[in-house]
N, C-alpha and C. Protein backbone atom coordinates (compact mmCIF):
# COMPACT_ATOMS: atom_id res chain seq x y z
N MET A 1 18.76 1.38 16.62
CA MET A 1 17.73 0.62 15.92
C MET A 1 16.55 0.38 16.86
N ASN A 2 15.37 0.58 16.35
CA ASN A 2 14.16 0.38 17.13
C ASN A 2 13.91 -1.12 17.30
N LYS A 3 13.86 -1.59 18.56
CA LYS A 3 13.66 -3.02 18.77
C LYS A 3 12.26 -3.49 18.40
N TYR A 4 11.34 -2.53 18.21
CA TYR A 4 9.98 -2.87 17.83
C TYR A 4 9.73 -2.74 16.32
N HIS A 5 10.77 -2.43 15.58
CA HIS A 5 10.64 -2.26 14.13
C HIS A 5 10.16 -3.56 13.49
N GLN A 6 9.14 -3.44 12.66
CA GLN A 6 8.66 -4.59 11.92
C GLN A 6 9.12 -4.44 10.48
N PRO A 7 9.81 -5.42 9.94
CA PRO A 7 10.23 -5.31 8.55
C PRO A 7 9.06 -5.49 7.59
N ILE A 8 9.20 -4.93 6.41
CA ILE A 8 8.24 -5.15 5.33
C ILE A 8 8.45 -6.58 4.84
N GLU A 9 7.40 -7.36 4.84
CA GLU A 9 7.52 -8.77 4.45
C GLU A 9 7.18 -9.02 2.99
N ALA A 10 6.46 -8.09 2.38
CA ALA A 10 6.12 -8.20 0.96
C ALA A 10 5.65 -6.84 0.48
N GLU A 11 5.76 -6.61 -0.83
CA GLU A 11 5.24 -5.36 -1.38
C GLU A 11 4.73 -5.58 -2.79
N THR A 12 3.84 -4.69 -3.18
CA THR A 12 3.32 -4.70 -4.54
C THR A 12 3.35 -3.26 -5.06
N ASP A 13 3.53 -3.12 -6.36
CA ASP A 13 3.66 -1.80 -6.99
C ASP A 13 2.50 -1.60 -7.96
N LEU A 14 1.73 -0.54 -7.73
CA LEU A 14 0.54 -0.27 -8.54
C LEU A 14 0.77 0.75 -9.65
N HIS A 15 2.00 1.19 -9.84
CA HIS A 15 2.28 2.17 -10.89
C HIS A 15 1.68 1.72 -12.23
N GLN A 16 1.10 2.64 -12.94
CA GLN A 16 0.54 2.44 -14.27
C GLN A 16 -0.76 1.63 -14.28
N MET A 17 -1.31 1.32 -13.12
CA MET A 17 -2.55 0.55 -13.09
C MET A 17 -3.76 1.49 -13.06
N THR A 18 -4.85 1.00 -13.61
CA THR A 18 -6.12 1.71 -13.49
C THR A 18 -6.69 1.43 -12.10
N ARG A 19 -7.75 2.13 -11.73
CA ARG A 19 -8.39 1.87 -10.45
C ARG A 19 -8.87 0.42 -10.36
N ASP A 20 -9.48 -0.08 -11.41
CA ASP A 20 -9.99 -1.45 -11.40
C ASP A 20 -8.85 -2.46 -11.25
N GLU A 21 -7.78 -2.25 -11.99
CA GLU A 21 -6.62 -3.15 -11.90
C GLU A 21 -6.02 -3.08 -10.50
N ALA A 22 -5.92 -1.87 -9.96
CA ALA A 22 -5.34 -1.68 -8.63
C ALA A 22 -6.19 -2.36 -7.56
N ARG A 23 -7.50 -2.25 -7.68
CA ARG A 23 -8.39 -2.88 -6.70
C ARG A 23 -8.18 -4.39 -6.67
N LYS A 24 -8.16 -5.00 -7.83
CA LYS A 24 -7.94 -6.45 -7.90
C LYS A 24 -6.59 -6.82 -7.32
N GLU A 25 -5.55 -6.08 -7.68
CA GLU A 25 -4.20 -6.35 -7.19
C GLU A 25 -4.14 -6.23 -5.67
N VAL A 26 -4.72 -5.17 -5.13
CA VAL A 26 -4.69 -4.95 -3.68
C VAL A 26 -5.43 -6.07 -2.95
N LEU A 27 -6.61 -6.41 -3.40
CA LEU A 27 -7.39 -7.46 -2.73
C LEU A 27 -6.68 -8.81 -2.81
N ASP A 28 -6.12 -9.13 -3.98
CA ASP A 28 -5.37 -10.39 -4.12
C ASP A 28 -4.12 -10.39 -3.23
N PHE A 29 -3.43 -9.24 -3.21
CA PHE A 29 -2.20 -9.10 -2.41
C PHE A 29 -2.50 -9.25 -0.92
N LEU A 30 -3.57 -8.62 -0.46
CA LEU A 30 -3.95 -8.73 0.95
C LEU A 30 -4.28 -10.18 1.31
N GLU A 31 -5.03 -10.84 0.47
CA GLU A 31 -5.41 -12.24 0.72
C GLU A 31 -4.16 -13.12 0.80
N GLU A 32 -3.25 -12.92 -0.14
CA GLU A 32 -2.02 -13.71 -0.17
C GLU A 32 -1.17 -13.44 1.09
N ALA A 33 -1.03 -12.16 1.44
CA ALA A 33 -0.21 -11.78 2.60
C ALA A 33 -0.79 -12.35 3.89
N GLU A 34 -2.11 -12.30 4.00
CA GLU A 34 -2.76 -12.85 5.19
C GLU A 34 -2.58 -14.37 5.24
N GLY A 35 -2.62 -14.99 4.07
CA GLY A 35 -2.42 -16.44 4.00
C GLY A 35 -1.02 -16.85 4.45
N PHE A 36 -0.04 -16.00 4.18
CA PHE A 36 1.33 -16.28 4.60
C PHE A 36 1.58 -15.87 6.05
N GLY A 37 0.61 -15.20 6.66
CA GLY A 37 0.77 -14.78 8.04
C GLY A 37 1.63 -13.54 8.21
N TYR A 38 1.77 -12.75 7.15
CA TYR A 38 2.58 -11.54 7.23
C TYR A 38 1.94 -10.53 8.19
N LYS A 39 2.79 -9.75 8.82
CA LYS A 39 2.33 -8.72 9.76
C LYS A 39 2.37 -7.32 9.15
N LYS A 40 3.34 -7.07 8.26
CA LYS A 40 3.50 -5.73 7.68
C LYS A 40 3.88 -5.85 6.21
N ILE A 41 3.08 -5.19 5.37
CA ILE A 41 3.32 -5.20 3.93
C ILE A 41 3.29 -3.77 3.42
N ARG A 42 3.75 -3.59 2.20
CA ARG A 42 3.77 -2.24 1.60
C ARG A 42 3.08 -2.28 0.24
N ILE A 43 2.26 -1.25 0.01
CA ILE A 43 1.61 -1.06 -1.28
C ILE A 43 2.14 0.25 -1.86
N ILE A 44 2.80 0.15 -2.99
CA ILE A 44 3.36 1.34 -3.64
C ILE A 44 2.34 1.88 -4.62
N THR A 45 1.89 3.10 -4.35
CA THR A 45 0.88 3.73 -5.20
C THR A 45 1.47 4.80 -6.10
N GLY A 46 2.62 5.31 -5.73
CA GLY A 46 3.18 6.46 -6.43
C GLY A 46 2.55 7.74 -5.90
N LYS A 47 3.12 8.84 -6.29
CA LYS A 47 2.67 10.15 -5.80
C LYS A 47 1.85 10.90 -6.84
N GLY A 48 1.70 10.32 -8.02
CA GLY A 48 0.92 10.98 -9.05
C GLY A 48 1.71 11.96 -9.90
N MET A 49 3.02 11.93 -9.79
CA MET A 49 3.86 12.88 -10.51
C MET A 49 3.70 12.77 -12.03
N HIS A 50 3.34 11.59 -12.50
CA HIS A 50 3.19 11.39 -13.95
C HIS A 50 1.72 11.28 -14.35
N SER A 51 0.84 11.54 -13.41
CA SER A 51 -0.60 11.48 -13.68
C SER A 51 -1.08 12.78 -14.31
N LYS A 52 -2.26 12.71 -14.87
CA LYS A 52 -2.88 13.90 -15.43
C LYS A 52 -2.96 14.98 -14.34
N ASN A 53 -2.52 16.16 -14.64
CA ASN A 53 -2.49 17.29 -13.71
C ASN A 53 -1.61 17.04 -12.49
N GLY A 54 -0.79 15.99 -12.51
CA GLY A 54 0.11 15.71 -11.40
C GLY A 54 -0.58 15.29 -10.12
N VAL A 55 -1.82 14.83 -10.24
CA VAL A 55 -2.59 14.41 -9.06
C VAL A 55 -2.80 12.90 -9.12
N GLY A 56 -2.31 12.21 -8.11
CA GLY A 56 -2.46 10.76 -8.06
C GLY A 56 -3.86 10.37 -7.61
N ILE A 57 -4.34 9.26 -8.10
CA ILE A 57 -5.67 8.80 -7.72
C ILE A 57 -5.63 7.50 -6.91
N LEU A 58 -4.54 6.77 -7.01
CA LEU A 58 -4.52 5.45 -6.38
C LEU A 58 -4.30 5.49 -4.88
N ASN A 59 -3.54 6.44 -4.37
CA ASN A 59 -3.24 6.46 -2.94
C ASN A 59 -4.52 6.56 -2.11
N ASP A 60 -5.35 7.54 -2.38
CA ASP A 60 -6.60 7.69 -1.64
C ASP A 60 -7.53 6.51 -1.88
N TYR A 61 -7.52 6.00 -3.10
CA TYR A 61 -8.38 4.87 -3.43
C TYR A 61 -7.99 3.63 -2.63
N VAL A 62 -6.69 3.37 -2.55
CA VAL A 62 -6.21 2.21 -1.79
C VAL A 62 -6.55 2.38 -0.31
N LYS A 63 -6.42 3.60 0.20
CA LYS A 63 -6.78 3.84 1.60
C LYS A 63 -8.26 3.55 1.86
N GLU A 64 -9.11 3.86 0.89
CA GLU A 64 -10.53 3.54 1.02
C GLU A 64 -10.73 2.03 1.12
N ILE A 65 -10.01 1.28 0.31
CA ILE A 65 -10.10 -0.18 0.34
C ILE A 65 -9.65 -0.69 1.71
N LEU A 66 -8.53 -0.18 2.20
CA LEU A 66 -8.00 -0.61 3.49
C LEU A 66 -8.95 -0.25 4.63
N ASP A 67 -9.52 0.96 4.56
CA ASP A 67 -10.50 1.38 5.57
C ASP A 67 -11.69 0.43 5.57
N GLY A 68 -12.15 0.05 4.38
CA GLY A 68 -13.28 -0.86 4.26
C GLY A 68 -13.02 -2.23 4.86
N LYS A 69 -11.75 -2.61 4.91
CA LYS A 69 -11.37 -3.89 5.50
C LYS A 69 -10.99 -3.75 6.97
N GLY A 70 -11.02 -2.51 7.48
CA GLY A 70 -10.69 -2.28 8.88
C GLY A 70 -9.21 -2.43 9.21
N LEU A 71 -8.35 -2.23 8.22
CA LEU A 71 -6.92 -2.39 8.42
C LEU A 71 -6.25 -1.07 8.80
N LYS A 72 -5.21 -1.16 9.61
CA LYS A 72 -4.42 0.01 9.98
C LYS A 72 -3.29 0.17 8.97
N TYR A 73 -2.94 1.42 8.72
CA TYR A 73 -1.89 1.70 7.75
C TYR A 73 -1.29 3.07 8.02
N SER A 74 -0.15 3.32 7.39
CA SER A 74 0.49 4.63 7.48
C SER A 74 1.32 4.84 6.23
N ALA A 75 1.68 6.10 5.99
CA ALA A 75 2.59 6.38 4.88
C ALA A 75 3.94 5.77 5.24
N ALA A 76 4.64 5.32 4.23
CA ALA A 76 5.99 4.79 4.45
C ALA A 76 6.89 5.92 4.91
N LYS A 77 8.01 5.57 5.52
CA LYS A 77 9.00 6.58 5.90
C LYS A 77 9.43 7.33 4.64
N TYR A 78 9.82 8.57 4.84
CA TYR A 78 10.19 9.43 3.72
C TYR A 78 11.19 8.77 2.77
N ASP A 79 12.22 8.14 3.31
CA ASP A 79 13.25 7.54 2.47
C ASP A 79 12.86 6.17 1.92
N GLU A 80 11.63 5.73 2.22
CA GLU A 80 11.13 4.45 1.72
C GLU A 80 9.89 4.62 0.85
N GLY A 81 9.66 5.86 0.38
CA GLY A 81 8.53 6.11 -0.51
C GLY A 81 7.59 7.19 -0.02
N GLY A 82 7.64 7.50 1.27
CA GLY A 82 6.80 8.56 1.83
C GLY A 82 5.34 8.39 1.45
N GLU A 83 4.73 9.48 1.00
CA GLU A 83 3.31 9.47 0.65
C GLU A 83 2.99 8.63 -0.58
N GLY A 84 4.00 8.15 -1.27
CA GLY A 84 3.78 7.32 -2.45
C GLY A 84 3.75 5.83 -2.15
N ALA A 85 3.82 5.49 -0.86
CA ALA A 85 3.78 4.09 -0.45
C ALA A 85 3.02 3.99 0.86
N ILE A 86 2.25 2.93 1.00
CA ILE A 86 1.44 2.72 2.19
C ILE A 86 1.90 1.44 2.88
N ASP A 87 2.28 1.58 4.16
CA ASP A 87 2.62 0.41 4.97
C ASP A 87 1.33 -0.06 5.65
N VAL A 88 1.03 -1.33 5.48
CA VAL A 88 -0.21 -1.90 6.01
C VAL A 88 0.15 -2.89 7.12
N PHE A 89 -0.56 -2.75 8.24
CA PHE A 89 -0.34 -3.62 9.39
C PHE A 89 -1.49 -4.62 9.45
N LEU A 90 -1.16 -5.87 9.22
CA LEU A 90 -2.17 -6.93 9.17
C LEU A 90 -2.43 -7.47 10.55
N LYS A 91 -3.59 -8.02 10.74
CA LYS A 91 -4.00 -8.56 12.05
C LYS A 91 -3.36 -9.89 12.30
């Protein structure tokens, strides 16, 4: 076990949301997580498997939001959602 492993302290799932709904959810979720003093959270965007043409739109969109806030993030581990989930490291 990695002694530096940070557990996920909270997560939100954006499946079936529009871009506008997802933006509000992400911003509210970040504010709440920061208020609780969380260090690592997860945002589940899905991989787009059920989207039109099988291309997801929320993953890149959420990354743009996180970039705009200057937050660090990475894809979740493969067995924890992989590219369909984003682990966010809060300041």
